[in-house]
Amino acid sequence: MSNARYRTFVAVAHHGSLSAAARALGVSQPTVSTQIAALERQSQVELFHRQGYRMALTTAGSKLLSLAQRLLALESEAAFFLRDSGKLHQGELKLGAVGPFHVIEMVAAYRARYPGMQLSIRMGNSQQVLHDLAHYSTDVAVLAGLYERPELLAREYARHAIILFAHVDHPLARHDEVDITALHGQPLLLREPGSTTRAAMEQALRAAGVQPRLGLEIGSREAIREAVARGLGIGAVSEAEFIPDTRFTPIRIAGAPACTTTYLYCMQERSDSVLVRSFWDAV
């Protein structure tokens, strides 16, 4: 069976309609419709639920998507090797990341070594980034925190202490460093459950027997910055992600009891991939 049909299938799955997939592939909508119909007819399996113009994957379609993306990733890898003996003078590397802080410096290091390669970055939360990696939508993932799964290979990239930051008028802002016990009873602004920064802070607070007052639970770094700037509480952030602002002051925690660790991930079975290995080496 032609890989073109699988490529069309993946495009429809990602874009959710025949017309959007056709535009992405640069072909006509009837061509896309014909290829999907032929794929379903040949396999005798319904791959999509039709809801007007929308196309939603069936259970069988969801299972095929992972396999099809894996097949296309291997096809791309073979093309790299055959085109320039694996020297990566041209091609595309797809990255997934939860934030820009480390991935941009990685991209800069990679482009310096492989200027002919194109790179793309898909941002999302940890669950989405891992999903994209497992389904071959990305080649490498950049995540804060260790996910120990047999199908994944992880390599530590960087470790950073978590620091506090408070409004310039807050009493703690007079100190460059405080003991973690200084947070007892203080309004602490936290990220949503599942945040690696939150998990590390909560673990350090429990170990020290400290109970801050939960100020607000906020789902983004930007919103926490604004909340701190308005005096609603104390924020906590990885030192690498702290952005200076005249409205608040950074405060180190003595002994650095909480930290975040950034890891690079790939699928275990792709650890010998020329594409993936080139990224490991460059960054």
C-alpha atoms as a PDB file:
ATOM      1  CA  MET A   1       0.000   0.000   0.000  1.00  0.00           C
ATOM      2  CA  SER A   2       1.304   3.461  -0.923  1.00  0.00           C
ATOM      3  CA  ASN A   3       2.572   5.605   1.921  1.00  0.00           C
ATOM      4  CA  ALA A   4       0.744   8.499   0.254  1.00  0.00           C
ATOM      5  CA  ARG A   5      -2.512   7.115   1.648  1.00  0.00           C
ATOM      6  CA  TYR A   6      -1.072   6.986   5.135  1.00  0.00           C
ATOM      7  CA  ARG A   7       0.217  10.538   4.736  1.00  0.00           C
ATOM      8  CA  THR A   8      -3.262  11.641   3.687  1.00  0.00           C
ATOM      9  CA  PHE A   9      -4.837   9.746   6.573  1.00  0.00           C
ATOM     10  CA  VAL A  10      -2.520  11.462   9.083  1.00  0.00           C
ATOM     11  CA  ALA A  11      -3.269  14.884   7.563  1.00  0.00           C
ATOM     12  CA  VAL A  12      -7.033  14.371   7.866  1.00  0.00           C
ATOM     13  CA  ALA A  13      -6.625  13.132  11.444  1.00  0.00           C
ATOM     14  CA  HIS A  14      -4.585  16.217  12.383  1.00  0.00           C
ATOM     15  CA  HIS A  15      -6.666  18.831  10.573  1.00  0.00           C
ATOM     16  CA  GLY A  16     -10.104  17.337  11.185  1.00  0.00           C
ATOM     17  CA  SER A  17     -11.524  17.827   7.701  1.00  0.00           C
ATOM     18  CA  LEU A  18     -10.904  16.816   4.102  1.00  0.00           C
ATOM     19  CA  SER A  19     -10.593  20.397   2.875  1.00  0.00           C
ATOM     20  CA  ALA A  20      -8.059  21.422   5.538  1.00  0.00           C
ATOM     21  CA  ALA A  21      -6.002  18.286   4.899  1.00  0.00           C
ATOM     22  CA  ALA A  22      -6.066  18.980   1.158  1.00  0.00           C
ATOM     23  CA  ARG A  23      -4.742  22.515   1.698  1.00  0.00           C
ATOM     24  CA  ALA A  24      -1.976  21.223   3.973  1.00  0.00           C
ATOM     25  CA  LEU A  25      -0.943  18.577   1.442  1.00  0.00           C
ATOM     26  CA  GLY A  26      -1.273  20.851  -1.588  1.00  0.00           C
ATOM     27  CA  VAL A  27      -3.718  18.550  -3.389  1.00  0.00           C
ATOM     28  CA  SER A  28      -7.400  18.696  -4.287  1.00  0.00           C
ATOM     29  CA  GLN A  29     -10.133  17.725  -1.831  1.00  0.00           C
ATOM     30  CA  PRO A  30     -11.445  14.939  -4.150  1.00  0.00           C
ATOM     31  CA  THR A  31      -7.944  13.413  -4.114  1.00  0.00           C
ATOM     32  CA  VAL A  32      -7.955  13.316  -0.310  1.00  0.00           C
ATOM     33  CA  SER A  33     -11.494  11.920  -0.238  1.00  0.00           C
ATOM     34  CA  THR A  34     -10.604   9.210  -2.750  1.00  0.00           C
ATOM     35  CA  GLN A  35      -7.499   8.121  -0.816  1.00  0.00           C
ATOM     36  CA  ILE A  36      -9.365   7.892   2.504  1.00  0.00           C
ATOM     37  CA  ALA A  37     -12.208   5.957   0.878  1.00  0.00           C
ATOM     38  CA  ALA A  38      -9.714   3.577  -0.742  1.00  0.00           C
ATOM     39  CA  LEU A  39      -7.920   3.034   2.583  1.00  0.00           C
ATOM     40  CA  GLU A  40     -11.175   2.216   4.353  1.00  0.00           C
ATOM     41  CA  ARG A  41     -12.428   0.025   1.510  1.00  0.00           C
ATOM     42  CA  GLN A  42      -9.197  -1.963   1.285  1.00  0.00           C
ATOM     43  CA  SER A  43      -8.996  -2.522   5.041  1.00  0.00           C
ATOM     44  CA  GLN A  44     -12.777  -2.858   5.497  1.00  0.00           C
ATOM     45  CA  VAL A  45     -12.457  -0.704   8.616  1.00  0.00           C
ATOM     46  CA  GLU A  46     -14.160   2.628   9.287  1.00  0.00           C
ATOM     47  CA  LEU A  47     -11.410   5.080  10.228  1.00  0.00           C
ATOM     48  CA  PHE A  48     -13.426   8.290  10.643  1.00  0.00           C
ATOM     49  CA  HIS A  49     -16.805   9.365  11.948  1.00  0.00           C
ATOM     50  CA  ARG A  50     -18.299  11.894   9.512  1.00  0.00           C
ATOM     51  CA  GLN A  51     -20.015  14.831  11.210  1.00  0.00           C
ATOM     52  CA  GLY A  52     -20.867  17.250   8.424  1.00  0.00           C
ATOM     53  CA  TYR A  53     -17.529  18.584   7.215  1.00  0.00           C
ATOM     54  CA  ARG A  54     -15.748  17.374  10.340  1.00  0.00           C
ATOM     55  CA  MET A  55     -13.825  14.097  10.477  1.00  0.00           C
ATOM     56  CA  ALA A  56     -13.287  12.452  13.884  1.00  0.00           C
ATOM     57  CA  LEU A  57     -11.187   9.324  14.360  1.00  0.00           C
ATOM     58  CA  THR A  58     -12.901   6.082  15.263  1.00  0.00           C
ATOM     59  CA  THR A  59     -11.281   3.732  17.790  1.00  0.00           C
ATOM     60  CA  ALA A  60      -9.667   1.851  14.907  1.00  0.00           C
ATOM     61  CA  GLY A  61      -8.548   5.137  13.353  1.00  0.00           C
ATOM     62  CA  SER A  62      -6.856   6.210  16.594  1.00  0.00           C
ATOM     63  CA  LYS A  63      -4.899   2.959  16.701  1.00  0.00           C
ATOM     64  CA  LEU A  64      -3.878   3.318  13.060  1.00  0.00           C
ATOM     65  CA  LEU A  65      -2.746   6.919  13.586  1.00  0.00           C
ATOM     66  CA  SER A  66       0.121   5.893  15.871  1.00  0.00           C
ATOM     67  CA  LEU A  67       1.256   3.211  13.427  1.00  0.00           C
ATOM     68  CA  ALA A  68       0.972   5.506  10.406  1.00  0.00           C
ATOM     69  CA  GLN A  69       2.970   8.271  12.071  1.00  0.00           C
ATOM     70  CA  ARG A  70       5.629   5.762  13.051  1.00  0.00           C
ATOM     71  CA  LEU A  71       5.802   4.512   9.465  1.00  0.00           C
ATOM     72  CA  LEU A  72       6.146   8.055   8.084  1.00  0.00           C
ATOM     73  CA  ALA A  73       8.827   8.903  10.647  1.00  0.00           C
ATOM     74  CA  LEU A  74      10.857   5.885   9.544  1.00  0.00           C
ATOM     75  CA  GLU A  75      10.318   6.813   5.903  1.00  0.00           C
ATOM     76  CA  SER A  76      11.647  10.299   6.636  1.00  0.00           C
ATOM     77  CA  GLU A  77      14.635   8.849   8.460  1.00  0.00           C
ATOM     78  CA  ALA A  78      15.441   6.635   5.465  1.00  0.00           C
ATOM     79  CA  ALA A  79      15.146   9.619   3.134  1.00  0.00           C
ATOM     80  CA  PHE A  80      17.664  11.562   5.233  1.00  0.00           C
ATOM     81  CA  PHE A  81      20.139   8.708   5.044  1.00  0.00           C
ATOM     82  CA  LEU A  82      19.771   8.055   1.329  1.00  0.00           C
ATOM     83  CA  ARG A  83      19.871  11.719   0.375  1.00  0.00           C
ATOM     84  CA  ASP A  84      23.130  12.690   2.037  1.00  0.00           C
ATOM     85  CA  SER A  85      24.537   9.588   3.759  1.00  0.00           C
ATOM     86  CA  GLY A  86      23.094  10.688   7.102  1.00  0.00           C
ATOM     87  CA  LYS A  87      25.028  13.981   7.190  1.00  0.00           C
ATOM     88  CA  LEU A  88      21.803  15.964   7.624  1.00  0.00           C
ATOM     89  CA  HIS A  89      22.501  18.738   5.142  1.00  0.00           C
ATOM     90  CA  GLN A  90      18.753  19.190   4.753  1.00  0.00           C
ATOM     91  CA  GLY A  91      15.542  17.906   6.312  1.00  0.00           C
ATOM     92  CA  GLU A  92      13.321  18.614   9.304  1.00  0.00           C
ATOM     93  CA  LEU A  93      13.608  17.923  13.015  1.00  0.00           C
ATOM     94  CA  LYS A  94      10.398  18.237  15.051  1.00  0.00           C
ATOM     95  CA  LEU A  95      10.584  19.186  18.733  1.00  0.00           C
ATOM     96  CA  GLY A  96       7.966  19.187  21.465  1.00  0.00           C
ATOM     97  CA  ALA A  97       8.284  21.371  24.565  1.00  0.00           C
ATOM     98  CA  VAL A  98       6.294  22.729  27.501  1.00  0.00           C
ATOM     99  CA  GLY A  99       8.020  26.126  27.356  1.00  0.00           C
ATOM    100  CA  PRO A 100      10.560  28.171  25.401  1.00  0.00           C
ATOM    101  CA  PHE A 101      13.226  28.655  28.066  1.00  0.00           C
ATOM    102  CA  HIS A 102      15.561  25.774  27.172  1.00  0.00           C
ATOM    103  CA  VAL A 103      14.300  24.657  23.788  1.00  0.00           C
ATOM    104  CA  ILE A 104      15.260  27.933  22.075  1.00  0.00           C
ATOM    105  CA  GLU A 105      18.886  27.673  23.218  1.00  0.00           C
ATOM    106  CA  MET A 106      18.870  24.056  22.019  1.00  0.00           C
ATOM    107  CA  VAL A 107      17.582  25.135  18.608  1.00  0.00           C
ATOM    108  CA  ALA A 108      20.345  27.746  18.384  1.00  0.00           C
ATOM    109  CA  ALA A 109      23.022  25.142  19.186  1.00  0.00           C
ATOM    110  CA  TYR A 110      21.581  22.665  16.672  1.00  0.00           C
ATOM    111  CA  ARG A 111      21.266  25.214  13.871  1.00  0.00           C
ATOM    112  CA  ALA A 112      24.882  26.267  14.423  1.00  0.00           C
ATOM    113  CA  ARG A 113      25.989  22.701  13.719  1.00  0.00           C
ATOM    114  CA  TYR A 114      23.384  21.797  11.071  1.00  0.00           C
ATOM    115  CA  PRO A 115      22.438  25.060   9.310  1.00  0.00           C
ATOM    116  CA  GLY A 116      20.643  23.270   6.490  1.00  0.00           C
ATOM    117  CA  MET A 117      18.141  21.570   8.785  1.00  0.00           C
ATOM    118  CA  GLN A 118      14.704  22.999   9.415  1.00  0.00           C
ATOM    119  CA  LEU A 119      13.315  22.829  12.952  1.00  0.00           C
ATOM    120  CA  SER A 120       9.766  23.122  14.213  1.00  0.00           C
ATOM    121  CA  ILE A 121       8.522  23.353  17.802  1.00  0.00           C
ATOM    122  CA  ARG A 122       5.142  22.192  19.098  1.00  0.00           C
ATOM    123  CA  MET A 123       4.245  23.678  22.479  1.00  0.00           C
ATOM    124  CA  GLY A 124       1.859  22.049  24.936  1.00  0.00           C
ATOM    125  CA  ASN A 125       1.488  20.731  28.452  1.00  0.00           C
ATOM    126  CA  SER A 126       3.452  17.676  29.568  1.00  0.00           C
ATOM    127  CA  GLN A 127       0.716  15.225  28.628  1.00  0.00           C
ATOM    128  CA  GLN A 128       0.371  16.662  25.120  1.00  0.00           C
ATOM    129  CA  VAL A 129       4.130  16.750  24.541  1.00  0.00           C
ATOM    130  CA  LEU A 130       4.477  13.091  25.578  1.00  0.00           C
ATOM    131  CA  HIS A 131       1.481  12.150  23.416  1.00  0.00           C
ATOM    132  CA  ASP A 132       3.040  13.828  20.374  1.00  0.00           C
ATOM    133  CA  LEU A 133       6.330  12.014  20.965  1.00  0.00           C
ATOM    134  CA  ALA A 134       4.660   8.617  21.399  1.00  0.00           C
ATOM    135  CA  HIS A 135       2.645   9.155  18.207  1.00  0.00           C
ATOM    136  CA  TYR A 136       5.683  10.266  16.162  1.00  0.00           C
ATOM    137  CA  SER A 137       4.368  13.790  15.666  1.00  0.00           C
ATOM    138  CA  THR A 138       7.699  14.934  17.147  1.00  0.00           C
ATOM    139  CA  ASP A 139      11.207  13.465  17.194  1.00  0.00           C
ATOM    140  CA  VAL A 140      12.471  14.836  20.517  1.00  0.00           C
ATOM    141  CA  ALA A 141      10.660  16.233  23.570  1.00  0.00           C
ATOM    142  CA  VAL A 142      11.939  18.752  26.135  1.00  0.00           C
ATOM    143  CA  LEU A 143      10.251  18.384  29.523  1.00  0.00           C
ATOM    144  CA  ALA A 144      10.750  19.430  33.118  1.00  0.00           C
ATOM    145  CA  GLY A 145      10.656  16.329  35.290  1.00  0.00           C
ATOM    146  CA  LEU A 146      11.469  12.644  34.883  1.00  0.00           C
ATOM    147  CA  TYR A 147       8.892  10.299  33.354  1.00  0.00           C
ATOM    148  CA  GLU A 148      10.090   6.734  33.817  1.00  0.00           C
ATOM    149  CA  ARG A 149       8.422   4.707  31.083  1.00  0.00           C
ATOM    150  CA  PRO A 150       9.942   1.692  29.345  1.00  0.00           C
ATOM    151  CA  GLU A 151       9.244   3.069  25.874  1.00  0.00           C
ATOM    152  CA  LEU A 152      11.070   6.355  26.587  1.00  0.00           C
ATOM    153  CA  LEU A 153      14.748   7.267  26.770  1.00  0.00           C
ATOM    154  CA  ALA A 154      15.500  10.296  28.955  1.00  0.00           C
ATOM    155  CA  ARG A 155      18.681  12.341  29.277  1.00  0.00           C
ATOM    156  CA  GLU A 156      19.203  15.095  31.839  1.00  0.00           C
ATOM    157  CA  TYR A 157      19.886  18.494  30.279  1.00  0.00           C
ATOM    158  CA  ALA A 158      19.893  21.040  33.122  1.00  0.00           C
ATOM    159  CA  ARG A 159      18.942  21.485  36.768  1.00  0.00           C
ATOM    160  CA  HIS A 160      17.848  24.770  38.326  1.00  0.00           C
ATOM    161  CA  ALA A 161      16.854  25.848  41.811  1.00  0.00           C
ATOM    162  CA  ILE A 162      13.335  27.135  42.392  1.00  0.00           C
ATOM    163  CA  ILE A 163      13.320  30.699  43.694  1.00  0.00           C
ATOM    164  CA  LEU A 164      10.609  32.926  45.125  1.00  0.00           C
ATOM    165  CA  PHE A 165       9.563  36.349  43.906  1.00  0.00           C
ATOM    166  CA  ALA A 166       7.449  38.905  45.750  1.00  0.00           C
ATOM    167  CA  HIS A 167       6.078  42.402  45.234  1.00  0.00           C
ATOM    168  CA  VAL A 168       8.703  45.023  46.060  1.00  0.00           C
ATOM    169  CA  ASP A 169       6.610  46.206  49.031  1.00  0.00           C
ATOM    170  CA  HIS A 170       6.285  42.706  50.524  1.00  0.00           C
ATOM    171  CA  PRO A 171       8.296  42.215  53.771  1.00  0.00           C
ATOM    172  CA  LEU A 172      10.204  39.246  52.281  1.00  0.00           C
ATOM    173  CA  ALA A 173      11.381  41.433  49.377  1.00  0.00           C
ATOM    174  CA  ARG A 174      13.898  43.047  51.745  1.00  0.00           C
ATOM    175  CA  HIS A 175      15.911  39.800  51.730  1.00  0.00           C
ATOM    176  CA  ASP A 176      18.056  38.284  48.979  1.00  0.00           C
ATOM    177  CA  GLU A 177      17.615  34.865  50.601  1.00  0.00           C
ATOM    178  CA  VAL A 178      15.218  33.379  53.124  1.00  0.00           C
ATOM    179  CA  ASP A 179      14.809  30.035  54.847  1.00  0.00           C
ATOM    180  CA  ILE A 180      11.906  27.972  53.570  1.00  0.00           C
ATOM    181  CA  THR A 181      10.272  28.361  57.009  1.00  0.00           C
ATOM    182  CA  ALA A 182       9.662  32.020  56.125  1.00  0.00           C
ATOM    183  CA  LEU A 183       6.822  30.806  53.892  1.00  0.00           C
ATOM    184  CA  HIS A 184       4.814  29.469  56.854  1.00  0.00           C
ATOM    185  CA  GLY A 185       1.418  31.169  56.770  1.00  0.00           C
ATOM    186  CA  GLN A 186       2.344  33.269  53.727  1.00  0.00           C
ATOM    187  CA  PRO A 187       0.013  33.456  50.668  1.00  0.00           C
ATOM    188  CA  LEU A 188       1.746  31.259  48.081  1.00  0.00           C
ATOM    189  CA  LEU A 189       0.663  31.341  44.441  1.00  0.00           C
ATOM    190  CA  LEU A 190       0.843  27.908  42.832  1.00  0.00           C
ATOM    191  CA  ARG A 191       0.546  26.481  39.338  1.00  0.00           C
ATOM    192  CA  GLU A 192      -2.097  23.908  38.472  1.00  0.00           C
ATOM    193  CA  PRO A 193      -1.785  20.282  39.722  1.00  0.00           C
ATOM    194  CA  GLY A 194       0.713  18.435  37.514  1.00  0.00           C
ATOM    195  CA  SER A 195       3.131  21.366  37.345  1.00  0.00           C
ATOM    196  CA  THR A 196       6.678  20.176  38.080  1.00  0.00           C
ATOM    197  CA  THR A 197       7.469  23.460  39.857  1.00  0.00           C
ATOM    198  CA  ARG A 198       4.461  23.005  42.117  1.00  0.00           C
ATOM    199  CA  ALA A 199       5.309  19.360  42.841  1.00  0.00           C
ATOM    200  CA  ALA A 200       8.904  20.231  43.780  1.00  0.00           C
ATOM    201  CA  MET A 201       7.806  23.102  46.029  1.00  0.00           C
ATOM    202  CA  GLU A 202       5.147  21.024  47.779  1.00  0.00           C
ATOM    203  CA  GLN A 203       7.663  18.248  48.444  1.00  0.00           C
ATOM    204  CA  ALA A 204      10.170  20.719  49.938  1.00  0.00           C
ATOM    205  CA  LEU A 205       7.474  22.357  52.073  1.00  0.00           C
ATOM    206  CA  ARG A 206       6.286  18.999  53.431  1.00  0.00           C
ATOM    207  CA  ALA A 207       9.855  17.942  54.244  1.00  0.00           C
ATOM    208  CA  ALA A 208      10.345  21.169  56.229  1.00  0.00           C
ATOM    209  CA  GLY A 209       6.946  20.978  57.920  1.00  0.00           C
ATOM    210  CA  VAL A 210       5.982  24.347  56.493  1.00  0.00           C
ATOM    211  CA  GLN A 211       2.353  25.202  55.709  1.00  0.00           C
ATOM    212  CA  PRO A 212       1.909  28.326  53.583  1.00  0.00           C
ATOM    213  CA  ARG A 213      -1.514  29.781  52.907  1.00  0.00           C
ATOM    214  CA  LEU A 214      -2.715  28.942  49.399  1.00  0.00           C
ATOM    215  CA  GLY A 215      -3.211  32.328  47.785  1.00  0.00           C
ATOM    216  CA  LEU A 216      -4.393  31.311  44.338  1.00  0.00           C
ATOM    217  CA  GLU A 217      -4.048  28.368  41.971  1.00  0.00           C
ATOM    218  CA  ILE A 218      -3.123  29.772  38.564  1.00  0.00           C
ATOM    219  CA  GLY A 219      -2.644  27.958  35.267  1.00  0.00           C
ATOM    220  CA  SER A 220       0.142  29.995  33.665  1.00  0.00           C
ATOM    221  CA  ARG A 221       3.474  31.616  34.516  1.00  0.00           C
ATOM    222  CA  GLU A 222       2.326  34.928  33.047  1.00  0.00           C
ATOM    223  CA  ALA A 223      -0.772  35.041  35.260  1.00  0.00           C
ATOM    224  CA  ILE A 224       1.295  34.293  38.360  1.00  0.00           C
ATOM    225  CA  ARG A 225       3.639  37.172  37.481  1.00  0.00           C
ATOM    226  CA  GLU A 226       0.694  39.557  37.258  1.00  0.00           C
ATOM    227  CA  ALA A 227      -0.773  38.266  40.520  1.00  0.00           C
ATOM    228  CA  VAL A 228       2.557  38.819  42.304  1.00  0.00           C
ATOM    229  CA  ALA A 229       2.858  42.283  40.753  1.00  0.00           C
ATOM    230  CA  ARG A 230      -0.555  43.161  42.229  1.00  0.00           C
ATOM    231  CA  GLY A 231       0.452  41.963  45.678  1.00  0.00           C
ATOM    232  CA  LEU A 232      -1.793  38.892  45.746  1.00  0.00           C
ATOM    233  CA  GLY A 233       0.900  36.555  47.024  1.00  0.00           C
ATOM    234  CA  ILE A 234       4.380  35.089  46.584  1.00  0.00           C
ATOM    235  CA  GLY A 235       5.329  33.267  43.416  1.00  0.00           C
ATOM    236  CA  ALA A 236       7.735  30.375  42.884  1.00  0.00           C
ATOM    237  CA  VAL A 237       9.561  29.732  39.621  1.00  0.00           C
ATOM    238  CA  SER A 238      12.588  27.919  38.254  1.00  0.00           C
ATOM    239  CA  GLU A 239      15.582  30.243  38.358  1.00  0.00           C
ATOM    240  CA  ALA A 240      16.067  29.732  34.604  1.00  0.00           C
ATOM    241  CA  GLU A 241      12.530  30.985  33.936  1.00  0.00           C
ATOM    242  CA  PHE A 242      12.606  34.086  36.116  1.00  0.00           C
ATOM    243  CA  ILE A 243      12.155  37.305  34.125  1.00  0.00           C
ATOM    244  CA  PRO A 244      13.275  40.489  35.946  1.00  0.00           C
ATOM    245  CA  ASP A 245      10.593  43.094  36.550  1.00  0.00           C
ATOM    246  CA  THR A 246      10.725  46.345  38.527  1.00  0.00           C
ATOM    247  CA  ARG A 247       7.465  45.410  40.255  1.00  0.00           C
ATOM    248  CA  PHE A 248       8.851  42.428  42.166  1.00  0.00           C
ATOM    249  CA  THR A 249      12.042  41.049  43.721  1.00  0.00           C
ATOM    250  CA  PRO A 250      13.611  37.578  43.327  1.00  0.00           C
ATOM    251  CA  ILE A 251      14.382  35.749  46.586  1.00  0.00           C
ATOM    252  CA  ARG A 252      16.532  32.629  46.875  1.00  0.00           C
ATOM    253  CA  ILE A 253      15.570  29.817  49.243  1.00  0.00           C
ATOM    254  CA  ALA A 254      18.471  28.906  51.530  1.00  0.00           C
ATOM    255  CA  GLY A 255      19.985  25.551  50.657  1.00  0.00           C
ATOM    256  CA  ALA A 256      17.962  25.298  47.423  1.00  0.00           C
ATOM    257  CA  PRO A 257      15.602  22.604  48.791  1.00  0.00           C
ATOM    258  CA  ALA A 258      13.478  22.605  45.635  1.00  0.00           C
ATOM    259  CA  CYS A 259      14.659  22.404  42.047  1.00  0.00           C
ATOM    260  CA  THR A 260      13.434  21.491  38.597  1.00  0.00           C
ATOM    261  CA  THR A 261      15.303  19.289  36.133  1.00  0.00           C
ATOM    262  CA  THR A 262      14.936  19.519  32.368  1.00  0.00           C
ATOM    263  CA  TYR A 263      15.182  16.296  30.372  1.00  0.00           C
ATOM    264  CA  LEU A 264      15.410  15.411  26.702  1.00  0.00           C
ATOM    265  CA  TYR A 265      13.214  12.495  25.617  1.00  0.00           C
ATOM    266  CA  CYS A 266      12.958  10.274  22.582  1.00  0.00           C
ATOM    267  CA  MET A 267      11.291   6.960  21.911  1.00  0.00           C
ATOM    268  CA  GLN A 268      13.564   4.135  23.057  1.00  0.00           C
ATOM    269  CA  GLU A 269      13.378   2.455  19.667  1.00  0.00           C
ATOM    270  CA  ARG A 270      14.626   5.655  17.981  1.00  0.00           C
ATOM    271  CA  SER A 271      17.644   6.149  20.226  1.00  0.00           C
ATOM    272  CA  ASP A 272      19.962   5.070  17.381  1.00  0.00           C
ATOM    273  CA  SER A 273      18.241   7.313  14.858  1.00  0.00           C
ATOM    274  CA  VAL A 274      20.625   9.571  12.938  1.00  0.00           C
ATOM    275  CA  LEU A 275      18.184  12.439  13.395  1.00  0.00           C
ATOM    276  CA  VAL A 276      17.709  12.013  17.144  1.00  0.00           C
ATOM    277  CA  ARG A 277      21.383  11.284  17.811  1.00  0.00           C
ATOM    278  CA  SER A 278      22.385  14.476  15.978  1.00  0.00           C
ATOM    279  CA  PHE A 279      20.251  16.471  18.412  1.00  0.00           C
ATOM    280  CA  TRP A 280      21.704  14.737  21.484  1.00  0.00           C
ATOM    281  CA  ASP A 281      25.220  15.516  20.266  1.00  0.00           C
ATOM    282  CA  ALA A 282      24.513  19.137  19.384  1.00  0.00           C
ATOM    283  CA  VAL A 283      22.874  20.188  22.646  1.00  0.00           C
END
